[in-house]
Amino acid sequence: MTRVATIPLQRTMADAIGRSQEKLAITQVRLSTGKKATDFADLGTEAVRNLSTHSMLAKQQATASVAKRVGTTLDLYQGHIEMVSDTASTLRTTILAAIGTGQSAGLQADVEAAFDQFRNSLNASEGGKPLFAGSQTGSQPFRPMQLSDLDGLDAADAFRDDGVMAKARVDDNVDVTYGIGASQLGGKLFDAFRTLAEGGKLGSELTEDQKTMLSRAAEQLSQGMEEVTSVNAANGRRQAQVETLATRGEARALVLQGVIEDNEDADLGQVAIDLAQQKAVLEASYSVFSQLSKLSLLNYL
């Protein structure tokens, strides 16, 4: 004989309400976090794939950070190289004008100012470490402090850099060797400034010996500018290489991020629809439960 009672029906409705509340709670979590699951275990079969993708993305982000730092350093190199080139070009033009006119008023000050700019560029630093020192970062790579210090000074005593170049991994299995030594950049320009230092103080009018000395210095400046141009070209090629690798790395990072988002990120539009539907279902369940809870067989016996 089948038993007739209201309590089993109420229990069934209560269980249904519990399931609706659980679904609604999960949807609310997805809405607040923007994620499909709270941990990798909830991803099921996609968990291993996403863990691997996260690892590859972290590696890509690390190399991208290195590439960015190297790119910044190369940009600093370029700025100082161009400063040295402009300084040498301007000084050469000034010297040639003085030779042509025989008038050299203010030329000595121009030479000393150019040397100061030359020295400052060679001794430039990044984060407190000299840019052009190679591995000898404990001291400035260019020793002379003023133009007169160059009189009779050997180039080996003027420069302290060792030619050691830095190396950085900017992509998977791709290492870039970069760096510029002070002697590599300013070796021939040093010869020009030494010639000017050994020529003595320049007055307002040039002697024939001074004109000869200035002509030799102008030729040395021209040779030094060719050396600087060559160094700048090599630095530019490294900049292009690092930029290309960084662009490729960003594209790969976007692909990896897309894989992660597809498996982990919730579709907020669908979440909003689910939230509205589950809310309506729960409200209906509450209403039905309220009505059924008021029923009793005693009312009909």
C-alpha atoms as a PDB file:
ATOM      1  CA  MET A   1       0.000   0.000   0.000  1.00  0.00           C
ATOM      2  CA  THR A   2       1.387   3.385  -1.040  1.00  0.00           C
ATOM      3  CA  ARG A   3       1.848   5.805   1.820  1.00  0.00           C
ATOM      4  CA  VAL A   4       0.453   9.316   1.326  1.00  0.00           C
ATOM      5  CA  ALA A   5       2.281  12.137   3.184  1.00  0.00           C
ATOM      6  CA  THR A   6       3.434  15.762   2.695  1.00  0.00           C
ATOM      7  CA  ILE A   7       6.871  15.517   4.402  1.00  0.00           C
ATOM      8  CA  PRO A   8       8.610  13.495   1.605  1.00  0.00           C
ATOM      9  CA  LEU A   9       7.411  16.061  -0.933  1.00  0.00           C
ATOM     10  CA  GLN A  10       8.761  18.899   1.194  1.00  0.00           C
ATOM     11  CA  ARG A  11      12.121  17.119   1.477  1.00  0.00           C
ATOM     12  CA  THR A  12      12.264  16.724  -2.309  1.00  0.00           C
ATOM     13  CA  MET A  13      11.566  20.409  -2.776  1.00  0.00           C
ATOM     14  CA  ALA A  14      14.172  21.324  -0.155  1.00  0.00           C
ATOM     15  CA  ASP A  15      16.795  19.246  -1.986  1.00  0.00           C
ATOM     16  CA  ALA A  16      15.875  20.973  -5.263  1.00  0.00           C
ATOM     17  CA  ILE A  17      16.215  24.376  -3.584  1.00  0.00           C
ATOM     18  CA  GLY A  18      19.657  23.364  -2.251  1.00  0.00           C
ATOM     19  CA  ARG A  19      20.840  22.410  -5.726  1.00  0.00           C
ATOM     20  CA  SER A  20      19.545  25.700  -7.138  1.00  0.00           C
ATOM     21  CA  GLN A  21      21.304  27.650  -4.408  1.00  0.00           C
ATOM     22  CA  GLU A  22      24.565  25.802  -5.124  1.00  0.00           C
ATOM     23  CA  LYS A  23      24.370  26.574  -8.844  1.00  0.00           C
ATOM     24  CA  LEU A  24      23.578  30.212  -8.105  1.00  0.00           C
ATOM     25  CA  ALA A  25      26.520  30.446  -5.698  1.00  0.00           C
ATOM     26  CA  ILE A  26      28.909  29.039  -8.343  1.00  0.00           C
ATOM     27  CA  THR A  27      27.634  31.519 -10.912  1.00  0.00           C
ATOM     28  CA  GLN A  28      28.066  34.396  -8.460  1.00  0.00           C
ATOM     29  CA  VAL A  29      31.688  33.330  -7.854  1.00  0.00           C
ATOM     30  CA  ARG A  30      32.312  33.266 -11.615  1.00  0.00           C
ATOM     31  CA  LEU A  31      30.834  36.730 -11.916  1.00  0.00           C
ATOM     32  CA  SER A  32      33.003  38.151  -9.130  1.00  0.00           C
ATOM     33  CA  THR A  33      36.288  36.451 -10.178  1.00  0.00           C
ATOM     34  CA  GLY A  34      35.797  36.295 -13.940  1.00  0.00           C
ATOM     35  CA  LYS A  35      37.036  32.673 -13.846  1.00  0.00           C
ATOM     36  CA  LYS A  36      35.349  29.406 -14.694  1.00  0.00           C
ATOM     37  CA  ALA A  37      36.998  27.564 -11.814  1.00  0.00           C
ATOM     38  CA  THR A  38      38.583  28.434  -8.483  1.00  0.00           C
ATOM     39  CA  ASP A  39      41.533  26.022  -8.933  1.00  0.00           C
ATOM     40  CA  PHE A  40      43.169  23.848 -11.584  1.00  0.00           C
ATOM     41  CA  ALA A  41      41.471  20.720 -10.277  1.00  0.00           C
ATOM     42  CA  ASP A  42      38.108  22.111 -11.379  1.00  0.00           C
ATOM     43  CA  LEU A  43      39.381  22.421 -14.971  1.00  0.00           C
ATOM     44  CA  GLY A  44      39.344  18.657 -15.413  1.00  0.00           C
ATOM     45  CA  THR A  45      41.203  17.390 -18.488  1.00  0.00           C
ATOM     46  CA  GLU A  46      42.394  20.919 -19.392  1.00  0.00           C
ATOM     47  CA  ALA A  47      44.321  21.297 -16.120  1.00  0.00           C
ATOM     48  CA  VAL A  48      47.586  19.775 -17.422  1.00  0.00           C
ATOM     49  CA  ARG A  49      47.457  21.820 -20.609  1.00  0.00           C
ATOM     50  CA  ASN A  50      46.868  25.051 -18.703  1.00  0.00           C
ATOM     51  CA  LEU A  51      49.644  24.357 -16.214  1.00  0.00           C
ATOM     52  CA  SER A  52      52.042  23.863 -19.116  1.00  0.00           C
ATOM     53  CA  THR A  53      50.789  27.029 -20.805  1.00  0.00           C
ATOM     54  CA  HIS A  54      51.241  29.041 -17.612  1.00  0.00           C
ATOM     55  CA  SER A  55      54.840  27.804 -17.413  1.00  0.00           C
ATOM     56  CA  MET A  56      55.566  28.787 -21.025  1.00  0.00           C
ATOM     57  CA  LEU A  57      53.944  32.186 -20.506  1.00  0.00           C
ATOM     58  CA  ALA A  58      56.046  32.860 -17.396  1.00  0.00           C
ATOM     59  CA  LYS A  59      59.189  31.982 -19.339  1.00  0.00           C
ATOM     60  CA  GLN A  60      58.146  34.239 -22.209  1.00  0.00           C
ATOM     61  CA  GLN A  61      57.428  37.120 -19.839  1.00  0.00           C
ATOM     62  CA  ALA A  62      60.853  36.695 -18.228  1.00  0.00           C
ATOM     63  CA  THR A  63      62.677  36.851 -21.575  1.00  0.00           C
ATOM     64  CA  ALA A  64      60.522  39.824 -22.589  1.00  0.00           C
ATOM     65  CA  SER A  65      61.613  41.656 -19.455  1.00  0.00           C
ATOM     66  CA  VAL A  66      65.267  40.957 -20.303  1.00  0.00           C
ATOM     67  CA  ALA A  67      64.745  42.101 -23.903  1.00  0.00           C
ATOM     68  CA  LYS A  68      63.185  45.323 -22.678  1.00  0.00           C
ATOM     69  CA  ARG A  69      66.116  46.013 -20.359  1.00  0.00           C
ATOM     70  CA  VAL A  70      68.635  45.295 -23.122  1.00  0.00           C
ATOM     71  CA  GLY A  71      66.684  47.518 -25.502  1.00  0.00           C
ATOM     72  CA  THR A  72      66.817  50.368 -22.992  1.00  0.00           C
ATOM     73  CA  THR A  73      70.581  49.955 -22.618  1.00  0.00           C
ATOM     74  CA  LEU A  74      71.046  49.954 -26.389  1.00  0.00           C
ATOM     75  CA  ASP A  75      68.993  53.141 -26.617  1.00  0.00           C
ATOM     76  CA  LEU A  76      71.274  54.749 -24.034  1.00  0.00           C
ATOM     77  CA  TYR A  77      74.290  53.661 -26.068  1.00  0.00           C
ATOM     78  CA  GLN A  78      72.787  55.261 -29.142  1.00  0.00           C
ATOM     79  CA  GLY A  79      72.131  58.540 -27.368  1.00  0.00           C
ATOM     80  CA  HIS A  80      75.707  58.871 -26.121  1.00  0.00           C
ATOM     81  CA  ILE A  81      77.198  57.695 -29.416  1.00  0.00           C
ATOM     82  CA  GLU A  82      75.257  60.357 -31.291  1.00  0.00           C
ATOM     83  CA  MET A  83      76.331  62.939 -28.719  1.00  0.00           C
ATOM     84  CA  VAL A  84      79.997  62.038 -29.293  1.00  0.00           C
ATOM     85  CA  SER A  85      79.489  62.167 -33.066  1.00  0.00           C
ATOM     86  CA  ASP A  86      77.774  65.557 -32.945  1.00  0.00           C
ATOM     87  CA  THR A  87      80.464  66.934 -30.633  1.00  0.00           C
ATOM     88  CA  ALA A  88      83.264  65.795 -32.947  1.00  0.00           C
ATOM     89  CA  SER A  89      81.477  67.068 -36.053  1.00  0.00           C
ATOM     90  CA  THR A  90      80.840  70.495 -34.538  1.00  0.00           C
ATOM     91  CA  LEU A  91      84.419  70.798 -33.303  1.00  0.00           C
ATOM     92  CA  ARG A  92      85.830  69.814 -36.707  1.00  0.00           C
ATOM     93  CA  THR A  93      83.684  72.433 -38.429  1.00  0.00           C
ATOM     94  CA  THR A  94      84.853  75.072 -35.944  1.00  0.00           C
ATOM     95  CA  ILE A  95      88.507  74.114 -36.453  1.00  0.00           C
ATOM     96  CA  LEU A  96      88.246  74.222 -40.242  1.00  0.00           C
ATOM     97  CA  ALA A  97      86.615  77.646 -40.044  1.00  0.00           C
ATOM     98  CA  ALA A  98      89.447  78.902 -37.830  1.00  0.00           C
ATOM     99  CA  ILE A  99      92.060  77.514 -40.226  1.00  0.00           C
ATOM    100  CA  GLY A 100      90.346  79.186 -43.169  1.00  0.00           C
ATOM    101  CA  THR A 101      90.092  82.601 -41.553  1.00  0.00           C
ATOM    102  CA  GLY A 102      93.200  82.467 -39.404  1.00  0.00           C
ATOM    103  CA  GLN A 103      91.084  83.770 -36.520  1.00  0.00           C
ATOM    104  CA  SER A 104      90.757  81.541 -33.469  1.00  0.00           C
ATOM    105  CA  ALA A 105      89.088  83.710 -30.850  1.00  0.00           C
ATOM    106  CA  GLY A 106      87.173  81.399 -28.516  1.00  0.00           C
ATOM    107  CA  LEU A 107      88.536  78.254 -30.213  1.00  0.00           C
ATOM    108  CA  GLN A 108      90.395  77.104 -27.098  1.00  0.00           C
ATOM    109  CA  ALA A 109      87.191  77.274 -25.064  1.00  0.00           C
ATOM    110  CA  ASP A 110      85.342  75.348 -27.792  1.00  0.00           C
ATOM    111  CA  VAL A 111      88.003  72.625 -27.775  1.00  0.00           C
ATOM    112  CA  GLU A 112      87.888  72.265 -23.991  1.00  0.00           C
ATOM    113  CA  ALA A 113      84.070  72.218 -23.967  1.00  0.00           C
ATOM    114  CA  ALA A 114      84.076  69.512 -26.665  1.00  0.00           C
ATOM    115  CA  PHE A 115      86.556  67.456 -24.640  1.00  0.00           C
ATOM    116  CA  ASP A 116      84.360  67.759 -21.533  1.00  0.00           C
ATOM    117  CA  GLN A 117      81.360  66.506 -23.486  1.00  0.00           C
ATOM    118  CA  PHE A 118      83.458  63.700 -24.966  1.00  0.00           C
ATOM    119  CA  ARG A 119      84.650  62.648 -21.490  1.00  0.00           C
ATOM    120  CA  ASN A 120      81.151  62.828 -19.981  1.00  0.00           C
ATOM    121  CA  SER A 121      79.686  60.643 -22.715  1.00  0.00           C
ATOM    122  CA  LEU A 122      82.410  57.990 -22.360  1.00  0.00           C
ATOM    123  CA  ASN A 123      81.898  57.971 -18.585  1.00  0.00           C
ATOM    124  CA  ALA A 124      78.083  57.859 -18.777  1.00  0.00           C
ATOM    125  CA  SER A 125      76.383  55.371 -16.469  1.00  0.00           C
ATOM    126  CA  GLU A 126      73.201  53.348 -16.139  1.00  0.00           C
ATOM    127  CA  GLY A 127      71.979  52.511 -12.658  1.00  0.00           C
ATOM    128  CA  GLY A 128      75.252  53.723 -11.184  1.00  0.00           C
ATOM    129  CA  LYS A 129      77.420  51.511 -13.427  1.00  0.00           C
ATOM    130  CA  PRO A 130      79.494  52.872 -16.340  1.00  0.00           C
ATOM    131  CA  LEU A 131      78.036  52.031 -19.738  1.00  0.00           C
ATOM    132  CA  PHE A 132      81.304  51.863 -21.659  1.00  0.00           C
ATOM    133  CA  ALA A 133      83.512  50.096 -19.073  1.00  0.00           C
ATOM    134  CA  GLY A 134      82.976  46.473 -20.124  1.00  0.00           C
ATOM    135  CA  SER A 135      83.374  44.334 -16.997  1.00  0.00           C
ATOM    136  CA  GLN A 136      85.474  46.989 -15.202  1.00  0.00           C
ATOM    137  CA  THR A 137      82.469  48.681 -13.633  1.00  0.00           C
ATOM    138  CA  GLY A 138      84.300  49.713 -10.482  1.00  0.00           C
ATOM    139  CA  SER A 139      85.803  52.829 -12.068  1.00  0.00           C
ATOM    140  CA  GLN A 140      85.206  55.234 -14.924  1.00  0.00           C
ATOM    141  CA  PRO A 141      86.436  53.915 -18.275  1.00  0.00           C
ATOM    142  CA  PHE A 142      88.030  57.210 -19.376  1.00  0.00           C
ATOM    143  CA  ARG A 143      90.596  58.568 -16.903  1.00  0.00           C
ATOM    144  CA  PRO A 144      91.687  62.089 -18.028  1.00  0.00           C
ATOM    145  CA  MET A 145      89.750  64.842 -16.292  1.00  0.00           C
ATOM    146  CA  GLN A 146      90.775  67.814 -18.451  1.00  0.00           C
ATOM    147  CA  LEU A 147      92.247  68.462 -21.861  1.00  0.00           C
ATOM    148  CA  SER A 148      95.731  69.251 -20.545  1.00  0.00           C
ATOM    149  CA  ASP A 149      95.950  65.747 -19.036  1.00  0.00           C
ATOM    150  CA  LEU A 150      96.216  64.339 -22.560  1.00  0.00           C
ATOM    151  CA  ASP A 151      99.589  65.966 -23.247  1.00  0.00           C
ATOM    152  CA  GLY A 152     101.967  63.023 -23.802  1.00  0.00           C
ATOM    153  CA  LEU A 153      99.420  60.504 -22.454  1.00  0.00           C
ATOM    154  CA  ASP A 154      99.336  57.037 -24.013  1.00  0.00           C
ATOM    155  CA  ALA A 155      95.922  55.700 -25.035  1.00  0.00           C
ATOM    156  CA  ALA A 156      96.461  52.563 -22.950  1.00  0.00           C
ATOM    157  CA  ASP A 157      96.751  54.755 -19.867  1.00  0.00           C
ATOM    158  CA  ALA A 158      93.698  56.828 -20.765  1.00  0.00           C
ATOM    159  CA  PHE A 159      91.184  53.978 -21.101  1.00  0.00           C
ATOM    160  CA  ARG A 160      90.264  51.419 -18.434  1.00  0.00           C
ATOM    161  CA  ASP A 161      87.643  49.354 -20.255  1.00  0.00           C
ATOM    162  CA  ASP A 162      88.534  45.740 -21.065  1.00  0.00           C
ATOM    163  CA  GLY A 163      86.389  45.043 -24.126  1.00  0.00           C
ATOM    164  CA  VAL A 164      84.283  42.401 -22.351  1.00  0.00           C
ATOM    165  CA  MET A 165      80.764  42.415 -23.790  1.00  0.00           C
ATOM    166  CA  ALA A 166      77.586  41.575 -21.870  1.00  0.00           C
ATOM    167  CA  LYS A 167      75.319  38.742 -22.997  1.00  0.00           C
ATOM    168  CA  ALA A 168      71.582  38.332 -22.425  1.00  0.00           C
ATOM    169  CA  ARG A 169      68.959  35.762 -23.427  1.00  0.00           C
ATOM    170  CA  VAL A 170      66.177  37.674 -25.123  1.00  0.00           C
ATOM    171  CA  ASP A 171      64.276  34.728 -26.626  1.00  0.00           C
ATOM    172  CA  ASP A 172      64.162  30.935 -26.525  1.00  0.00           C
ATOM    173  CA  ASN A 173      67.753  29.751 -27.098  1.00  0.00           C
ATOM    174  CA  VAL A 174      68.716  33.180 -28.498  1.00  0.00           C
ATOM    175  CA  ASP A 175      71.506  35.079 -26.748  1.00  0.00           C
ATOM    176  CA  VAL A 176      72.474  38.604 -27.757  1.00  0.00           C
ATOM    177  CA  THR A 177      75.964  39.890 -27.080  1.00  0.00           C
ATOM    178  CA  TYR A 178      75.981  43.637 -26.651  1.00  0.00           C
ATOM    179  CA  GLY A 179      78.071  46.398 -25.176  1.00  0.00           C
ATOM    180  CA  ILE A 180      80.572  49.040 -26.304  1.00  0.00           C
ATOM    181  CA  GLY A 181      83.923  49.880 -24.772  1.00  0.00           C
ATOM    182  CA  ALA A 182      85.114  53.441 -24.285  1.00  0.00           C
ATOM    183  CA  SER A 183      88.290  52.750 -26.265  1.00  0.00           C
ATOM    184  CA  GLN A 184      86.222  51.200 -29.049  1.00  0.00           C
ATOM    185  CA  LEU A 185      84.081  54.307 -29.309  1.00  0.00           C
ATOM    186  CA  GLY A 186      86.593  57.066 -28.637  1.00  0.00           C
ATOM    187  CA  GLY A 187      90.001  55.635 -29.496  1.00  0.00           C
ATOM    188  CA  LYS A 188      90.641  57.699 -32.628  1.00  0.00           C
ATOM    189  CA  LEU A 189      88.916  60.793 -31.280  1.00  0.00           C
ATOM    190  CA  PHE A 190      91.273  60.555 -28.317  1.00  0.00           C
ATOM    191  CA  ASP A 191      94.172  60.962 -30.769  1.00  0.00           C
ATOM    192  CA  ALA A 192      92.585  64.183 -32.066  1.00  0.00           C
ATOM    193  CA  PHE A 193      92.138  65.646 -28.590  1.00  0.00           C
ATOM    194  CA  ARG A 194      95.683  64.646 -27.633  1.00  0.00           C
ATOM    195  CA  THR A 195      96.984  66.490 -30.712  1.00  0.00           C
ATOM    196  CA  LEU A 196      95.031  69.574 -29.632  1.00  0.00           C
ATOM    197  CA  ALA A 197      96.355  69.272 -26.065  1.00  0.00           C
ATOM    198  CA  GLU A 198      99.953  68.970 -27.241  1.00  0.00           C
ATOM    199  CA  GLY A 199      99.542  72.010 -29.499  1.00  0.00           C
ATOM    200  CA  GLY A 200      99.292  74.296 -26.504  1.00  0.00           C
ATOM    201  CA  LYS A 201      96.924  77.173 -25.800  1.00  0.00           C
ATOM    202  CA  LEU A 202      95.326  78.831 -28.807  1.00  0.00           C
ATOM    203  CA  GLY A 203      95.259  82.598 -29.003  1.00  0.00           C
ATOM    204  CA  SER A 204      93.037  84.873 -31.053  1.00  0.00           C
ATOM    205  CA  GLU A 205      95.239  84.469 -34.172  1.00  0.00           C
ATOM    206  CA  LEU A 206      96.825  81.278 -35.473  1.00  0.00           C
ATOM    207  CA  THR A 207     100.463  80.714 -36.296  1.00  0.00           C
ATOM    208  CA  GLU A 208     101.479  78.483 -39.191  1.00  0.00           C
ATOM    209  CA  ASP A 209     102.486  75.730 -36.785  1.00  0.00           C
ATOM    210  CA  GLN A 210      99.104  75.934 -35.083  1.00  0.00           C
ATOM    211  CA  LYS A 211      97.331  75.753 -38.430  1.00  0.00           C
ATOM    212  CA  THR A 212      99.318  72.609 -39.258  1.00  0.00           C
ATOM    213  CA  MET A 213      98.439  71.129 -35.873  1.00  0.00           C
ATOM    214  CA  LEU A 214      94.769  71.974 -36.304  1.00  0.00           C
ATOM    215  CA  SER A 215      94.717  70.449 -39.780  1.00  0.00           C
ATOM    216  CA  ARG A 216      96.115  67.213 -38.364  1.00  0.00           C
ATOM    217  CA  ALA A 217      93.532  67.303 -35.557  1.00  0.00           C
ATOM    218  CA  ALA A 218      90.734  67.892 -38.064  1.00  0.00           C
ATOM    219  CA  GLU A 219      91.848  64.828 -40.042  1.00  0.00           C
ATOM    220  CA  GLN A 220      91.963  62.758 -36.868  1.00  0.00           C
ATOM    221  CA  LEU A 221      88.486  63.969 -35.950  1.00  0.00           C
ATOM    222  CA  SER A 222      87.258  62.855 -39.361  1.00  0.00           C
ATOM    223  CA  GLN A 223      88.758  59.387 -38.830  1.00  0.00           C
ATOM    224  CA  GLY A 224      87.299  59.259 -35.342  1.00  0.00           C
ATOM    225  CA  MET A 225      83.835  60.124 -36.665  1.00  0.00           C
ATOM    226  CA  GLU A 226      84.064  57.211 -39.118  1.00  0.00           C
ATOM    227  CA  GLU A 227      84.870  54.928 -36.204  1.00  0.00           C
ATOM    228  CA  VAL A 228      81.918  56.305 -34.217  1.00  0.00           C
ATOM    229  CA  THR A 229      79.611  55.810 -37.211  1.00  0.00           C
ATOM    230  CA  SER A 230      80.709  52.187 -37.498  1.00  0.00           C
ATOM    231  CA  VAL A 231      80.082  51.597 -33.782  1.00  0.00           C
ATOM    232  CA  ASN A 232      76.659  53.236 -34.037  1.00  0.00           C
ATOM    233  CA  ALA A 233      75.738  51.047 -37.023  1.00  0.00           C
ATOM    234  CA  ALA A 234      76.625  47.886 -35.100  1.00  0.00           C
ATOM    235  CA  ASN A 235      74.584  49.104 -32.136  1.00  0.00           C
ATOM    236  CA  GLY A 236      71.664  49.826 -34.465  1.00  0.00           C
ATOM    237  CA  ARG A 237      71.746  46.273 -35.816  1.00  0.00           C
ATOM    238  CA  ARG A 238      71.537  44.946 -32.270  1.00  0.00           C
ATOM    239  CA  GLN A 239      68.616  47.273 -31.559  1.00  0.00           C
ATOM    240  CA  ALA A 240      66.768  45.953 -34.623  1.00  0.00           C
ATOM    241  CA  GLN A 241      67.472  42.344 -33.610  1.00  0.00           C
ATOM    242  CA  VAL A 242      66.247  42.845 -30.039  1.00  0.00           C
ATOM    243  CA  GLU A 243      63.164  44.735 -31.222  1.00  0.00           C
ATOM    244  CA  THR A 244      62.275  41.963 -33.690  1.00  0.00           C
ATOM    245  CA  LEU A 245      62.698  39.261 -31.060  1.00  0.00           C
ATOM    246  CA  ALA A 246      60.675  41.274 -28.545  1.00  0.00           C
ATOM    247  CA  THR A 247      57.842  41.691 -31.070  1.00  0.00           C
ATOM    248  CA  ARG A 248      57.796  37.959 -31.765  1.00  0.00           C
ATOM    249  CA  GLY A 249      57.819  37.265 -28.048  1.00  0.00           C
ATOM    250  CA  GLU A 250      54.840  39.550 -27.489  1.00  0.00           C
ATOM    251  CA  ALA A 251      52.928  37.732 -30.230  1.00  0.00           C
ATOM    252  CA  ARG A 252      53.663  34.353 -28.618  1.00  0.00           C
ATOM    253  CA  ALA A 253      52.663  35.684 -25.217  1.00  0.00           C
ATOM    254  CA  LEU A 254      49.303  36.788 -26.648  1.00  0.00           C
ATOM    255  CA  VAL A 255      48.713  33.306 -28.078  1.00  0.00           C
ATOM    256  CA  LEU A 256      49.554  31.661 -24.753  1.00  0.00           C
ATOM    257  CA  GLN A 257      47.392  34.142 -22.872  1.00  0.00           C
ATOM    258  CA  GLY A 258      44.544  33.362 -25.253  1.00  0.00           C
ATOM    259  CA  VAL A 259      44.821  29.625 -24.518  1.00  0.00           C
ATOM    260  CA  ILE A 260      44.707  30.326 -20.793  1.00  0.00           C
ATOM    261  CA  GLU A 261      41.748  32.678 -21.113  1.00  0.00           C
ATOM    262  CA  ASP A 262      39.768  30.206 -23.237  1.00  0.00           C
ATOM    263  CA  ASN A 263      40.108  27.513 -20.587  1.00  0.00           C
ATOM    264  CA  GLU A 264      39.969  29.605 -17.423  1.00  0.00           C
ATOM    265  CA  ASP A 265      38.093  32.851 -18.015  1.00  0.00           C
ATOM    266  CA  ALA A 266      34.334  32.886 -17.737  1.00  0.00           C
ATOM    267  CA  ASP A 267      32.078  34.269 -20.464  1.00  0.00           C
ATOM    268  CA  LEU A 268      30.586  37.149 -18.477  1.00  0.00           C
ATOM    269  CA  GLY A 269      27.729  37.553 -20.915  1.00  0.00           C
ATOM    270  CA  GLN A 270      26.711  33.921 -20.455  1.00  0.00           C
ATOM    271  CA  VAL A 271      27.300  34.231 -16.710  1.00  0.00           C
ATOM    272  CA  ALA A 272      24.836  37.133 -16.557  1.00  0.00           C
ATOM    273  CA  ILE A 273      22.223  35.081 -18.432  1.00  0.00           C
ATOM    274  CA  ASP A 274      22.789  32.065 -16.159  1.00  0.00           C
ATOM    275  CA  LEU A 275      22.555  34.275 -13.098  1.00  0.00           C
ATOM    276  CA  ALA A 276      19.171  35.655 -14.148  1.00  0.00           C
ATOM    277  CA  GLN A 277      17.818  32.203 -15.012  1.00  0.00           C
ATOM    278  CA  GLN A 278      19.045  30.579 -11.804  1.00  0.00           C
ATOM    279  CA  LYS A 279      17.675  33.431  -9.742  1.00  0.00           C
ATOM    280  CA  ALA A 280      14.266  32.998 -11.368  1.00  0.00           C
ATOM    281  CA  VAL A 281      14.364  29.226 -10.783  1.00  0.00           C
ATOM    282  CA  LEU A 282      15.297  29.705  -7.131  1.00  0.00           C
ATOM    283  CA  GLU A 283      12.559  32.268  -6.572  1.00  0.00           C
ATOM    284  CA  ALA A 284      10.028  29.890  -8.170  1.00  0.00           C
ATOM    285  CA  SER A 285      11.267  27.062  -5.957  1.00  0.00           C
ATOM    286  CA  TYR A 286      10.824  29.229  -2.875  1.00  0.00           C
ATOM    287  CA  SER A 287       7.284  30.072  -3.967  1.00  0.00           C
ATOM    288  CA  VAL A 288       6.313  26.445  -4.662  1.00  0.00           C
ATOM    289  CA  PHE A 289       7.886  25.270  -1.410  1.00  0.00           C
ATOM    290  CA  SER A 290       5.963  27.926   0.502  1.00  0.00           C
ATOM    291  CA  GLN A 291       2.694  26.829  -1.057  1.00  0.00           C
ATOM    292  CA  LEU A 292       3.328  23.114  -0.569  1.00  0.00           C
ATOM    293  CA  SER A 293       4.403  23.587   3.037  1.00  0.00           C
ATOM    294  CA  LYS A 294       0.955  24.904   3.816  1.00  0.00           C
ATOM    295  CA  LEU A 295      -0.750  21.725   2.537  1.00  0.00           C
ATOM    296  CA  SER A 296      -1.808  19.059   5.044  1.00  0.00           C
ATOM    297  CA  LEU A 297      -3.828  15.874   4.736  1.00  0.00           C
ATOM    298  CA  LEU A 298      -5.613  16.843   7.942  1.00  0.00           C
ATOM    299  CA  ASN A 299      -7.447  19.549   6.012  1.00  0.00           C
ATOM    300  CA  TYR A 300      -9.055  16.852   3.834  1.00  0.00           C
ATOM    301  CA  LEU A 301      -9.711  14.070   6.356  1.00  0.00           C
END
